[in-house]
């Protein structure tokens, strides 16, 4: 009789443990999104490597109206990019076609650094999809500026997001990207 009670007790403990483990997501179950805005293709190349390294879904943040070479000329005070960056409340319209945004646990967002921070189209993307409670990590390309200002600004502006410090990935190899991704765990 004692053996039967012992066996039943062990089985009950094992079933309880199995039930508890079923409620937790494993790394294998976690879904990753690699979203990027790239005006010239530089950030896109990094995004593709990052998606390959993470196994994440690659998604392009597309403006409703594409940026022309003239739009991107930061030396012209009336160029589209300059006007948008001078008005931090600017929200350039995007094509909103990301499916199942809530299904992602980790979201990498890439962009070229404009005026020492993220282009305002990144605000449009975040505000369109929310990402409340999600882990969001920036990556950027830049001619010489760091990503630090964007990290600080967005963390303050969107406190419901779990931010991890992003990184500028100029000319990063897949091995460099993998090393960075591994350091975030």
N, C-alpha and C. Protein backbone atom coordinates (compact mmCIF):
# COMPACT_ATOMS: atom_id res chain seq x y z
N UNK A 1 0.82 -1.19 0.00
CA UNK A 1 0.00 0.00 0.00
C UNK A 1 0.87 1.26 0.00
N UNK A 2 1.93 1.24 0.82
CA UNK A 2 2.82 2.39 0.89
C UNK A 2 3.48 2.65 -0.47
N UNK A 3 3.81 1.55 -1.18
CA UNK A 3 4.44 1.71 -2.50
C UNK A 3 3.48 2.36 -3.48
N UNK A 4 2.22 1.99 -3.42
CA UNK A 4 1.22 2.56 -4.32
C UNK A 4 1.06 4.06 -4.05
N UNK A 5 0.98 4.43 -2.78
CA UNK A 5 0.83 5.85 -2.41
C UNK A 5 2.07 6.63 -2.85
N UNK A 6 3.25 6.04 -2.69
CA UNK A 6 4.48 6.70 -3.11
C UNK A 6 4.50 6.91 -4.62
N UNK A 7 4.11 5.89 -5.38
CA UNK A 7 4.08 5.99 -6.84
C UNK A 7 3.07 7.06 -7.27
N UNK A 8 1.90 7.08 -6.65
CA UNK A 8 0.88 8.08 -6.99
C UNK A 8 1.38 9.48 -6.65
N UNK A 9 2.04 9.65 -5.54
CA UNK A 9 2.58 10.95 -5.14
C UNK A 9 3.64 11.44 -6.14
N UNK A 10 4.53 10.54 -6.54
CA UNK A 10 5.57 10.90 -7.51
C UNK A 10 4.93 11.28 -8.84
N UNK A 11 3.93 10.52 -9.27
CA UNK A 11 3.25 10.84 -10.52
C UNK A 11 2.56 12.20 -10.44
N UNK A 12 1.94 12.52 -9.32
CA UNK A 12 1.25 13.81 -9.15
C UNK A 12 2.25 14.96 -9.21
N UNK A 13 3.39 14.79 -8.57
CA UNK A 13 4.43 15.83 -8.60
C UNK A 13 4.93 16.01 -10.02
N UNK A 14 5.17 14.91 -10.72
CA UNK A 14 5.67 14.98 -12.10
C UNK A 14 4.65 15.66 -13.01
N UNK A 15 3.39 15.35 -12.88
CA UNK A 15 2.36 15.97 -13.71
C UNK A 15 2.22 17.46 -13.40
N UNK A 16 2.32 17.82 -12.14
CA UNK A 16 2.27 19.24 -11.77
C UNK A 16 3.44 19.99 -12.39
N UNK A 17 4.63 19.42 -12.32
CA UNK A 17 5.81 20.06 -12.90
C UNK A 17 5.66 20.20 -14.41
N UNK A 18 5.13 19.18 -15.05
CA UNK A 18 4.93 19.25 -16.51
C UNK A 18 3.93 20.34 -16.85
N UNK A 19 2.88 20.45 -16.07
CA UNK A 19 1.88 21.49 -16.32
C UNK A 19 2.45 22.88 -16.15
N UNK A 20 3.32 23.07 -15.16
CA UNK A 20 3.93 24.38 -14.95
C UNK A 20 4.86 24.72 -16.10
N UNK A 21 5.61 23.78 -16.60
CA UNK A 21 6.55 24.04 -17.69
C UNK A 21 5.83 24.39 -18.99
N UNK A 22 4.61 23.88 -19.16
CA UNK A 22 3.88 24.16 -20.39
C UNK A 22 3.45 25.62 -20.48
N UNK A 23 3.41 26.32 -19.35
CA UNK A 23 3.00 27.71 -19.35
C UNK A 23 4.15 28.67 -19.69
N UNK A 24 5.36 28.21 -19.70
CA UNK A 24 6.51 29.07 -19.95
C UNK A 24 6.97 28.90 -21.39
N UNK A 25 7.32 30.03 -22.01
CA UNK A 25 7.85 29.97 -23.37
C UNK A 25 9.33 29.64 -23.30
N UNK A 26 9.75 28.77 -24.17
CA UNK A 26 11.17 28.49 -24.28
C UNK A 26 11.74 29.38 -25.37
N UNK A 27 13.07 29.47 -25.46
CA UNK A 27 13.70 30.27 -26.51
C UNK A 27 13.22 29.83 -27.89
N UNK A 28 12.96 28.53 -28.02
CA UNK A 28 12.49 27.99 -29.30
C UNK A 28 11.11 28.54 -29.66
N UNK A 29 10.28 28.82 -28.63
CA UNK A 29 8.93 29.32 -28.85
C UNK A 29 8.88 30.83 -29.05
N UNK A 30 9.93 31.54 -28.69
CA UNK A 30 9.97 32.99 -28.78
C UNK A 30 10.03 33.41 -30.25
N UNK A 31 9.24 34.41 -30.62
CA UNK A 31 9.23 34.90 -32.00
C UNK A 31 9.95 36.23 -32.07
N UNK A 32 10.77 36.38 -33.09
CA UNK A 32 11.57 37.58 -33.28
C UNK A 32 11.20 38.26 -34.59
N UNK A 33 11.07 39.58 -34.53
CA UNK A 33 10.83 40.40 -35.70
C UNK A 33 12.04 41.30 -35.92
N UNK A 34 12.50 41.38 -37.14
CA UNK A 34 13.57 42.32 -37.51
C UNK A 34 12.94 43.30 -38.50
N UNK A 35 12.55 44.46 -37.98
CA UNK A 35 11.92 45.50 -38.81
C UNK A 35 12.97 46.57 -39.10
N UNK A 36 12.89 47.13 -40.29
CA UNK A 36 13.88 48.14 -40.64
C UNK A 36 13.32 49.16 -41.60
N UNK A 37 13.84 50.38 -41.50
CA UNK A 37 13.61 51.43 -42.47
C UNK A 37 14.96 51.71 -43.10
N UNK A 38 15.01 51.67 -44.41
CA UNK A 38 16.27 51.90 -45.11
C UNK A 38 16.01 52.77 -46.33
N UNK A 39 16.56 53.98 -46.30
CA UNK A 39 16.33 54.91 -47.41
C UNK A 39 17.24 54.62 -48.60
N UNK A 40 18.42 54.04 -48.34
CA UNK A 40 19.38 53.83 -49.43
C UNK A 40 19.84 52.39 -49.59
N UNK A 41 19.40 51.50 -48.71
CA UNK A 41 19.79 50.09 -48.80
C UNK A 41 20.84 49.66 -47.79
N UNK A 42 21.50 50.59 -47.15
CA UNK A 42 22.56 50.25 -46.19
C UNK A 42 22.00 49.53 -44.97
N UNK A 43 20.95 50.08 -44.38
CA UNK A 43 20.35 49.46 -43.20
C UNK A 43 19.66 48.14 -43.58
N UNK A 44 19.12 48.07 -44.77
CA UNK A 44 18.49 46.83 -45.24
C UNK A 44 19.46 45.66 -45.24
N UNK A 45 20.68 45.89 -45.69
CA UNK A 45 21.68 44.82 -45.74
C UNK A 45 21.98 44.29 -44.33
N UNK A 46 22.09 45.19 -43.37
CA UNK A 46 22.34 44.77 -41.98
C UNK A 46 21.13 44.01 -41.44
N UNK A 47 19.93 44.50 -41.76
CA UNK A 47 18.70 43.85 -41.29
C UNK A 47 18.61 42.41 -41.80
N UNK A 48 18.98 42.21 -43.04
CA UNK A 48 18.94 40.85 -43.61
C UNK A 48 19.90 39.93 -42.86
N UNK A 49 21.09 40.42 -42.56
CA UNK A 49 22.05 39.60 -41.80
C UNK A 49 21.53 39.33 -40.39
N UNK A 50 20.93 40.34 -39.75
CA UNK A 50 20.39 40.18 -38.40
C UNK A 50 19.25 39.16 -38.39
N UNK A 51 18.37 39.22 -39.38
CA UNK A 51 17.28 38.25 -39.48
C UNK A 51 17.83 36.84 -39.66
N UNK A 52 18.89 36.71 -40.44
CA UNK A 52 19.52 35.41 -40.66
C UNK A 52 20.12 34.87 -39.36
N UNK A 53 20.78 35.74 -38.62
CA UNK A 53 21.42 35.32 -37.35
C UNK A 53 20.39 34.96 -36.29
N UNK A 54 19.29 35.73 -36.20
CA UNK A 54 18.30 35.50 -35.15
C UNK A 54 17.22 34.50 -35.54
N UNK A 55 17.11 34.22 -36.83
CA UNK A 55 16.00 33.39 -37.30
C UNK A 55 14.69 34.16 -37.28
N UNK A 56 14.79 35.48 -37.21
CA UNK A 56 13.61 36.33 -37.11
C UNK A 56 12.96 36.60 -38.45
N UNK A 57 11.75 37.10 -38.38
CA UNK A 57 10.99 37.50 -39.55
C UNK A 57 11.47 38.88 -39.99
N UNK A 58 11.82 39.02 -41.25
CA UNK A 58 12.30 40.29 -41.80
C UNK A 58 11.10 41.10 -42.28
N UNK A 59 11.06 42.39 -41.90
CA UNK A 59 9.95 43.26 -42.29
C UNK A 59 10.48 44.65 -42.61
N UNK A 60 10.11 45.16 -43.78
CA UNK A 60 10.53 46.51 -44.17
C UNK A 60 9.47 47.52 -43.76
N UNK A 61 9.90 48.57 -43.05
CA UNK A 61 9.03 49.70 -42.72
C UNK A 61 9.03 50.59 -43.96
N UNK A 62 7.87 50.64 -44.63
CA UNK A 62 7.79 51.35 -45.91
C UNK A 62 6.99 52.64 -45.77
N UNK A 63 7.58 53.77 -46.15
CA UNK A 63 6.80 55.00 -46.15
C UNK A 63 5.75 54.96 -47.25
N UNK A 64 4.61 55.59 -47.02
CA UNK A 64 3.59 55.64 -48.07
C UNK A 64 4.14 56.35 -49.31
N UNK A 65 4.96 57.36 -49.08
CA UNK A 65 5.61 58.07 -50.17
C UNK A 65 7.11 57.84 -50.02
N UNK A 66 7.70 57.15 -51.00
CA UNK A 66 9.13 56.85 -50.92
C UNK A 66 9.96 58.13 -50.88
N UNK A 67 11.10 58.02 -50.23
CA UNK A 67 12.03 59.15 -50.17
C UNK A 67 12.87 59.18 -51.45
N UNK A 68 12.96 60.35 -52.05
CA UNK A 68 13.81 60.54 -53.22
C UNK A 68 15.19 61.00 -52.76
N UNK A 69 16.11 61.05 -53.68
CA UNK A 69 17.45 61.56 -53.37
C UNK A 69 17.36 63.00 -52.86
N UNK A 70 16.50 63.79 -53.46
CA UNK A 70 16.31 65.18 -53.03
C UNK A 70 15.72 65.25 -51.62
N UNK A 71 14.79 64.33 -51.30
CA UNK A 71 14.18 64.29 -49.98
C UNK A 71 15.22 64.03 -48.89
N UNK A 72 16.26 63.31 -49.24
CA UNK A 72 17.27 62.89 -48.26
C UNK A 72 18.44 63.88 -48.13
N UNK A 73 18.43 64.93 -48.90
CA UNK A 73 19.54 65.89 -48.88
C UNK A 73 19.45 66.77 -47.63
N UNK A 74 20.16 66.35 -46.60
CA UNK A 74 20.10 67.03 -45.31
C UNK A 74 20.70 68.44 -45.35
N UNK A 75 21.42 68.78 -46.40
CA UNK A 75 22.01 70.12 -46.49
C UNK A 75 21.00 71.17 -46.98
N UNK A 76 19.85 70.70 -47.44
CA UNK A 76 18.80 71.60 -47.92
C UNK A 76 17.74 71.73 -46.82
N UNK A 77 17.54 72.94 -46.32
CA UNK A 77 16.63 73.16 -45.19
C UNK A 77 15.17 72.82 -45.49
N UNK A 78 14.82 72.77 -46.76
CA UNK A 78 13.43 72.46 -47.12
C UNK A 78 13.25 71.02 -47.62
N UNK A 79 14.30 70.22 -47.54
CA UNK A 79 14.15 68.82 -47.96
C UNK A 79 13.21 68.10 -46.99
N UNK A 80 12.57 67.08 -47.50
CA UNK A 80 11.60 66.33 -46.69
C UNK A 80 12.21 65.81 -45.39
N UNK A 81 13.37 65.20 -45.47
CA UNK A 81 13.98 64.64 -44.26
C UNK A 81 14.34 65.73 -43.25
N UNK A 82 14.82 66.85 -43.72
CA UNK A 82 15.18 67.95 -42.82
C UNK A 82 13.92 68.50 -42.14
N UNK A 83 12.87 68.72 -42.91
CA UNK A 83 11.62 69.25 -42.35
C UNK A 83 11.07 68.28 -41.30
N UNK A 84 11.06 66.98 -41.61
CA UNK A 84 10.56 65.98 -40.64
C UNK A 84 11.38 65.97 -39.37
N UNK A 85 12.68 66.05 -39.50
CA UNK A 85 13.54 65.96 -38.32
C UNK A 85 13.52 67.25 -37.49
N UNK A 86 13.16 68.37 -38.10
CA UNK A 86 13.03 69.63 -37.35
C UNK A 86 11.75 69.64 -36.52
N UNK A 87 10.77 68.84 -36.91
CA UNK A 87 9.50 68.74 -36.19
C UNK A 87 9.43 67.34 -35.57
N UNK A 88 9.81 67.21 -34.31
CA UNK A 88 9.86 65.90 -33.65
C UNK A 88 8.47 65.27 -33.50
N UNK A 89 7.41 66.03 -33.78
CA UNK A 89 6.06 65.47 -33.77
C UNK A 89 5.64 64.98 -35.14
N UNK A 90 6.49 65.11 -36.12
CA UNK A 90 6.22 64.63 -37.47
C UNK A 90 6.07 63.11 -37.44
N UNK A 91 5.08 62.61 -38.13
CA UNK A 91 4.86 61.17 -38.23
C UNK A 91 4.59 60.82 -39.69
N UNK A 92 5.66 60.60 -40.47
CA UNK A 92 5.46 60.23 -41.87
C UNK A 92 4.61 58.96 -41.98
N UNK A 93 3.66 58.98 -42.89
CA UNK A 93 2.75 57.85 -43.06
C UNK A 93 3.51 56.62 -43.55
N UNK A 94 3.11 55.47 -43.04
CA UNK A 94 3.71 54.20 -43.45
C UNK A 94 2.65 53.29 -44.04
N UNK A 95 3.09 52.32 -44.81
CA UNK A 95 2.20 51.26 -45.29
C UNK A 95 2.08 50.28 -44.14
N UNK A 96 0.89 50.19 -43.59
CA UNK A 96 0.67 49.39 -42.37
C UNK A 96 0.21 47.98 -42.77
N UNK A 97 1.21 47.10 -43.03
CA UNK A 97 0.87 45.76 -43.48
C UNK A 97 1.55 44.65 -42.68
N UNK A 98 2.04 44.97 -41.50
CA UNK A 98 2.66 43.95 -40.64
C UNK A 98 1.55 43.09 -40.04
N UNK A 99 1.62 41.81 -40.29
CA UNK A 99 0.61 40.87 -39.78
C UNK A 99 1.05 40.34 -38.41
N UNK A 100 0.10 40.16 -37.52
CA UNK A 100 0.32 39.54 -36.22
C UNK A 100 1.44 40.19 -35.40
N UNK A 101 1.46 41.51 -35.36
CA UNK A 101 2.51 42.23 -34.63
C UNK A 101 2.57 41.79 -33.16
N UNK A 102 1.44 41.44 -32.57
CA UNK A 102 1.41 41.04 -31.16
C UNK A 102 2.05 39.68 -30.91
N UNK A 103 2.29 38.91 -31.96
CA UNK A 103 2.83 37.56 -31.77
C UNK A 103 4.34 37.55 -31.53
N UNK A 104 5.00 38.69 -31.70
CA UNK A 104 6.45 38.75 -31.55
C UNK A 104 6.82 39.10 -30.11
N UNK A 105 7.82 38.41 -29.59
CA UNK A 105 8.31 38.66 -28.24
C UNK A 105 9.46 39.68 -28.24
N UNK A 106 10.31 39.58 -29.26
CA UNK A 106 11.47 40.46 -29.40
C UNK A 106 11.38 41.15 -30.76
N UNK A 107 11.58 42.47 -30.74
CA UNK A 107 11.50 43.25 -31.96
C UNK A 107 12.78 44.07 -32.11
N UNK A 108 13.52 43.79 -33.16
CA UNK A 108 14.68 44.61 -33.51
C UNK A 108 14.17 45.65 -34.51
N UNK A 109 14.54 46.91 -34.31
CA UNK A 109 14.13 47.97 -35.23
C UNK A 109 15.38 48.68 -35.73
N UNK A 110 15.56 48.67 -37.05
CA UNK A 110 16.74 49.27 -37.64
C UNK A 110 16.43 50.51 -38.45
N UNK A 111 17.40 51.41 -38.49
CA UNK A 111 17.23 52.67 -39.21
C UNK A 111 18.58 53.32 -39.44
N UNK A 112 18.65 54.25 -40.42
CA UNK A 112 19.83 55.08 -40.55
C UNK A 112 19.72 56.22 -39.52
N UNK A 113 20.79 56.60 -38.90
CA UNK A 113 20.75 57.72 -37.95
C UNK A 113 20.62 59.02 -38.74
N UNK A 114 19.61 59.79 -38.38
CA UNK A 114 19.39 61.11 -38.98
C UNK A 114 19.45 62.13 -37.86
N UNK A 115 20.25 63.15 -37.99
CA UNK A 115 20.36 64.21 -37.01
C UNK A 115 20.55 63.63 -35.60
N UNK A 116 21.43 62.67 -35.49
CA UNK A 116 21.86 62.06 -34.22
C UNK A 116 20.81 61.18 -33.56
N UNK A 117 19.74 60.84 -34.26
CA UNK A 117 18.71 60.00 -33.66
C UNK A 117 17.97 59.22 -34.77
N UNK A 118 16.88 58.59 -34.39
CA UNK A 118 16.08 57.81 -35.35
C UNK A 118 15.19 58.74 -36.17
N UNK A 119 15.00 58.44 -37.45
CA UNK A 119 14.05 59.22 -38.24
C UNK A 119 12.66 59.12 -37.63
N UNK A 120 11.84 60.15 -37.80
CA UNK A 120 10.52 60.15 -37.17
C UNK A 120 9.60 59.06 -37.71
N UNK A 121 9.93 58.45 -38.83
CA UNK A 121 9.13 57.33 -39.33
C UNK A 121 9.20 56.14 -38.36
N UNK A 122 10.24 56.08 -37.55
CA UNK A 122 10.34 55.02 -36.53
C UNK A 122 9.29 55.25 -35.45
N UNK A 123 9.05 56.52 -35.09
CA UNK A 123 7.96 56.82 -34.15
C UNK A 123 6.62 56.36 -34.74
N UNK A 124 6.42 56.63 -36.03
CA UNK A 124 5.18 56.21 -36.69
C UNK A 124 5.00 54.70 -36.55
N UNK A 125 6.06 53.94 -36.82
CA UNK A 125 6.00 52.48 -36.74
C UNK A 125 5.68 52.01 -35.33
N UNK A 126 6.38 52.54 -34.35
CA UNK A 126 6.14 52.13 -32.96
C UNK A 126 4.73 52.49 -32.52
N UNK A 127 4.27 53.67 -32.86
CA UNK A 127 2.93 54.09 -32.45
C UNK A 127 1.84 53.32 -33.20
N UNK A 128 2.13 52.86 -34.41
CA UNK A 128 1.16 52.08 -35.17
C UNK A 128 0.95 50.69 -34.57
N UNK A 129 2.02 50.10 -34.04
CA UNK A 129 1.94 48.71 -33.56
C UNK A 129 2.06 48.57 -32.05
N UNK A 130 2.49 49.60 -31.34
CA UNK A 130 2.51 49.59 -29.89
C UNK A 130 3.70 48.92 -29.26
N UNK A 131 3.80 47.61 -29.34
CA UNK A 131 4.87 46.81 -28.74
C UNK A 131 4.92 46.91 -27.22
N UNK A 132 3.82 47.26 -26.59
CA UNK A 132 3.76 47.33 -25.13
C UNK A 132 4.13 45.98 -24.53
N UNK A 133 5.08 45.99 -23.61
CA UNK A 133 5.52 44.77 -22.94
C UNK A 133 6.48 43.92 -23.75
N UNK A 134 6.76 44.31 -24.98
CA UNK A 134 7.69 43.57 -25.84
C UNK A 134 9.11 44.05 -25.57
N UNK A 135 10.07 43.20 -25.87
CA UNK A 135 11.48 43.61 -25.82
C UNK A 135 11.82 44.20 -27.17
N UNK A 136 12.27 45.45 -27.16
CA UNK A 136 12.61 46.15 -28.40
C UNK A 136 14.07 46.59 -28.33
N UNK A 137 14.77 46.34 -29.43
CA UNK A 137 16.21 46.64 -29.52
C UNK A 137 16.46 47.34 -30.84
N UNK A 138 17.05 48.52 -30.76
CA UNK A 138 17.41 49.25 -31.98
C UNK A 138 18.73 48.74 -32.55
N UNK A 139 18.86 48.87 -33.86
CA UNK A 139 20.15 48.76 -34.54
C UNK A 139 20.15 49.84 -35.60
N UNK A 140 21.32 50.36 -35.89
CA UNK A 140 21.38 51.47 -36.83
C UNK A 140 22.63 51.43 -37.68
N UNK A 141 22.57 52.21 -38.75
CA UNK A 141 23.75 52.48 -39.57
C UNK A 141 23.90 54.00 -39.57
N UNK A 142 25.14 54.44 -39.71
CA UNK A 142 25.38 55.87 -39.62
C UNK A 142 26.70 56.23 -40.26
N UNK A 143 26.75 57.45 -40.75
CA UNK A 143 27.99 57.97 -41.30
C UNK A 143 28.97 58.40 -40.22
N UNK A 144 28.56 58.41 -38.96
CA UNK A 144 29.49 58.79 -37.90
C UNK A 144 28.84 59.00 -36.55
N UNK A 145 27.52 59.05 -36.50
CA UNK A 145 26.82 59.26 -35.22
C UNK A 145 26.53 57.94 -34.54
N UNK A 146 26.40 57.99 -33.22
CA UNK A 146 26.06 56.79 -32.47
C UNK A 146 24.54 56.68 -32.36
N UNK A 147 24.10 55.59 -31.79
CA UNK A 147 22.68 55.32 -31.60
C UNK A 147 22.20 55.75 -30.21
N UNK A 148 23.12 56.24 -29.40
CA UNK A 148 22.83 56.54 -28.00
C UNK A 148 21.65 57.49 -27.79
N UNK A 149 21.58 58.56 -28.57
CA UNK A 149 20.49 59.53 -28.40
C UNK A 149 19.14 58.87 -28.67
N UNK A 150 19.06 58.05 -29.71
CA UNK A 150 17.81 57.35 -30.02
C UNK A 150 17.43 56.40 -28.89
N UNK A 151 18.41 55.66 -28.37
CA UNK A 151 18.13 54.75 -27.25
C UNK A 151 17.51 55.52 -26.09
N UNK A 152 18.10 56.65 -25.73
CA UNK A 152 17.62 57.44 -24.59
C UNK A 152 16.25 58.07 -24.86
N UNK A 153 16.09 58.68 -26.03
CA UNK A 153 14.83 59.35 -26.36
C UNK A 153 13.65 58.39 -26.38
N UNK A 154 13.83 57.25 -27.02
CA UNK A 154 12.71 56.32 -27.18
C UNK A 154 12.37 55.62 -25.87
N UNK A 155 13.36 55.36 -25.06
CA UNK A 155 13.10 54.75 -23.75
C UNK A 155 12.24 55.69 -22.90
N UNK A 156 12.53 56.98 -22.97
CA UNK A 156 11.75 57.96 -22.21
C UNK A 156 10.36 58.16 -22.82
N UNK A 157 10.26 58.16 -24.12
CA UNK A 157 8.98 58.43 -24.80
C UNK A 157 8.01 57.25 -24.74
N UNK A 158 8.53 56.04 -24.75
CA UNK A 158 7.68 54.84 -24.78
C UNK A 158 8.05 53.92 -23.60
N UNK A 159 7.66 54.31 -22.39
CA UNK A 159 8.08 53.55 -21.19
C UNK A 159 7.43 52.18 -21.03
N UNK A 160 6.37 51.88 -21.79
CA UNK A 160 5.70 50.58 -21.67
C UNK A 160 6.40 49.48 -22.46
N UNK A 161 7.47 49.85 -23.15
CA UNK A 161 8.26 48.89 -23.92
C UNK A 161 9.46 48.48 -23.09
N UNK A 162 9.84 47.21 -23.17
CA UNK A 162 11.05 46.72 -22.50
C UNK A 162 12.23 46.97 -23.43
N UNK A 163 12.96 48.04 -23.20
CA UNK A 163 14.06 48.42 -24.08
C UNK A 163 15.36 47.76 -23.67
N UNK A 164 16.11 47.32 -24.65
CA UNK A 164 17.50 46.91 -24.46
C UNK A 164 18.33 47.84 -25.33
N UNK A 165 19.48 48.23 -24.84
CA UNK A 165 20.31 49.19 -25.57
C UNK A 165 20.67 48.66 -26.95
N UNK A 166 20.46 49.50 -27.94
CA UNK A 166 20.76 49.14 -29.31
C UNK A 166 22.20 49.44 -29.66
N UNK A 167 22.53 49.18 -30.91
CA UNK A 167 23.92 49.31 -31.34
C UNK A 167 23.98 49.79 -32.79
N UNK A 168 25.00 50.59 -33.08
CA UNK A 168 25.30 50.97 -34.45
C UNK A 168 26.09 49.84 -35.08
N UNK A 169 25.64 49.36 -36.22
CA UNK A 169 26.24 48.19 -36.85
C UNK A 169 26.82 48.51 -38.23
N UNK A 170 27.64 49.54 -38.29
CA UNK A 170 28.27 49.89 -39.57
C UNK A 170 29.25 48.80 -39.98
N UNK A 171 29.10 48.32 -41.19
CA UNK A 171 30.01 47.32 -41.77
C UNK A 171 30.22 46.11 -40.86
N UNK A 172 29.18 45.73 -40.13
CA UNK A 172 29.28 44.58 -39.23
C UNK A 172 29.16 43.28 -40.02
N UNK A 173 30.01 42.33 -39.71
CA UNK A 173 29.92 41.01 -40.34
C UNK A 173 28.83 40.21 -39.62
N UNK A 174 28.44 39.09 -40.20
CA UNK A 174 27.47 38.22 -39.52
C UNK A 174 28.01 37.75 -38.17
N UNK A 175 29.31 37.50 -38.11
CA UNK A 175 29.93 37.08 -36.85
C UNK A 175 29.83 38.19 -35.80
N UNK A 176 30.04 39.44 -36.22
CA UNK A 176 29.90 40.58 -35.30
C UNK A 176 28.46 40.68 -34.80
N UNK A 177 27.52 40.52 -35.73
CA UNK A 177 26.11 40.61 -35.37
C UNK A 177 25.74 39.49 -34.41
N UNK A 178 26.18 38.28 -34.69
CA UNK A 178 25.90 37.14 -33.81
C UNK A 178 26.46 37.38 -32.42
N UNK A 179 27.66 37.88 -32.33
CA UNK A 179 28.29 38.17 -31.04
C UNK A 179 27.45 39.19 -30.27
N UNK A 180 26.99 40.23 -30.96
CA UNK A 180 26.15 41.25 -30.30
C UNK A 180 24.83 40.64 -29.83
N UNK A 181 24.16 39.88 -30.70
CA UNK A 181 22.89 39.26 -30.33
C UNK A 181 23.08 38.34 -29.12
N UNK A 182 24.14 37.54 -29.12
CA UNK A 182 24.41 36.64 -28.00
C UNK A 182 24.64 37.41 -26.71
N UNK A 183 25.24 38.60 -26.80
CA UNK A 183 25.51 39.40 -25.59
C UNK A 183 24.24 39.97 -24.98
N UNK A 184 23.16 39.99 -25.73
CA UNK A 184 21.89 40.54 -25.24
C UNK A 184 21.11 39.55 -24.39
N UNK A 185 21.49 38.30 -24.44
CA UNK A 185 20.73 37.24 -23.74
C UNK A 185 21.04 37.23 -22.26
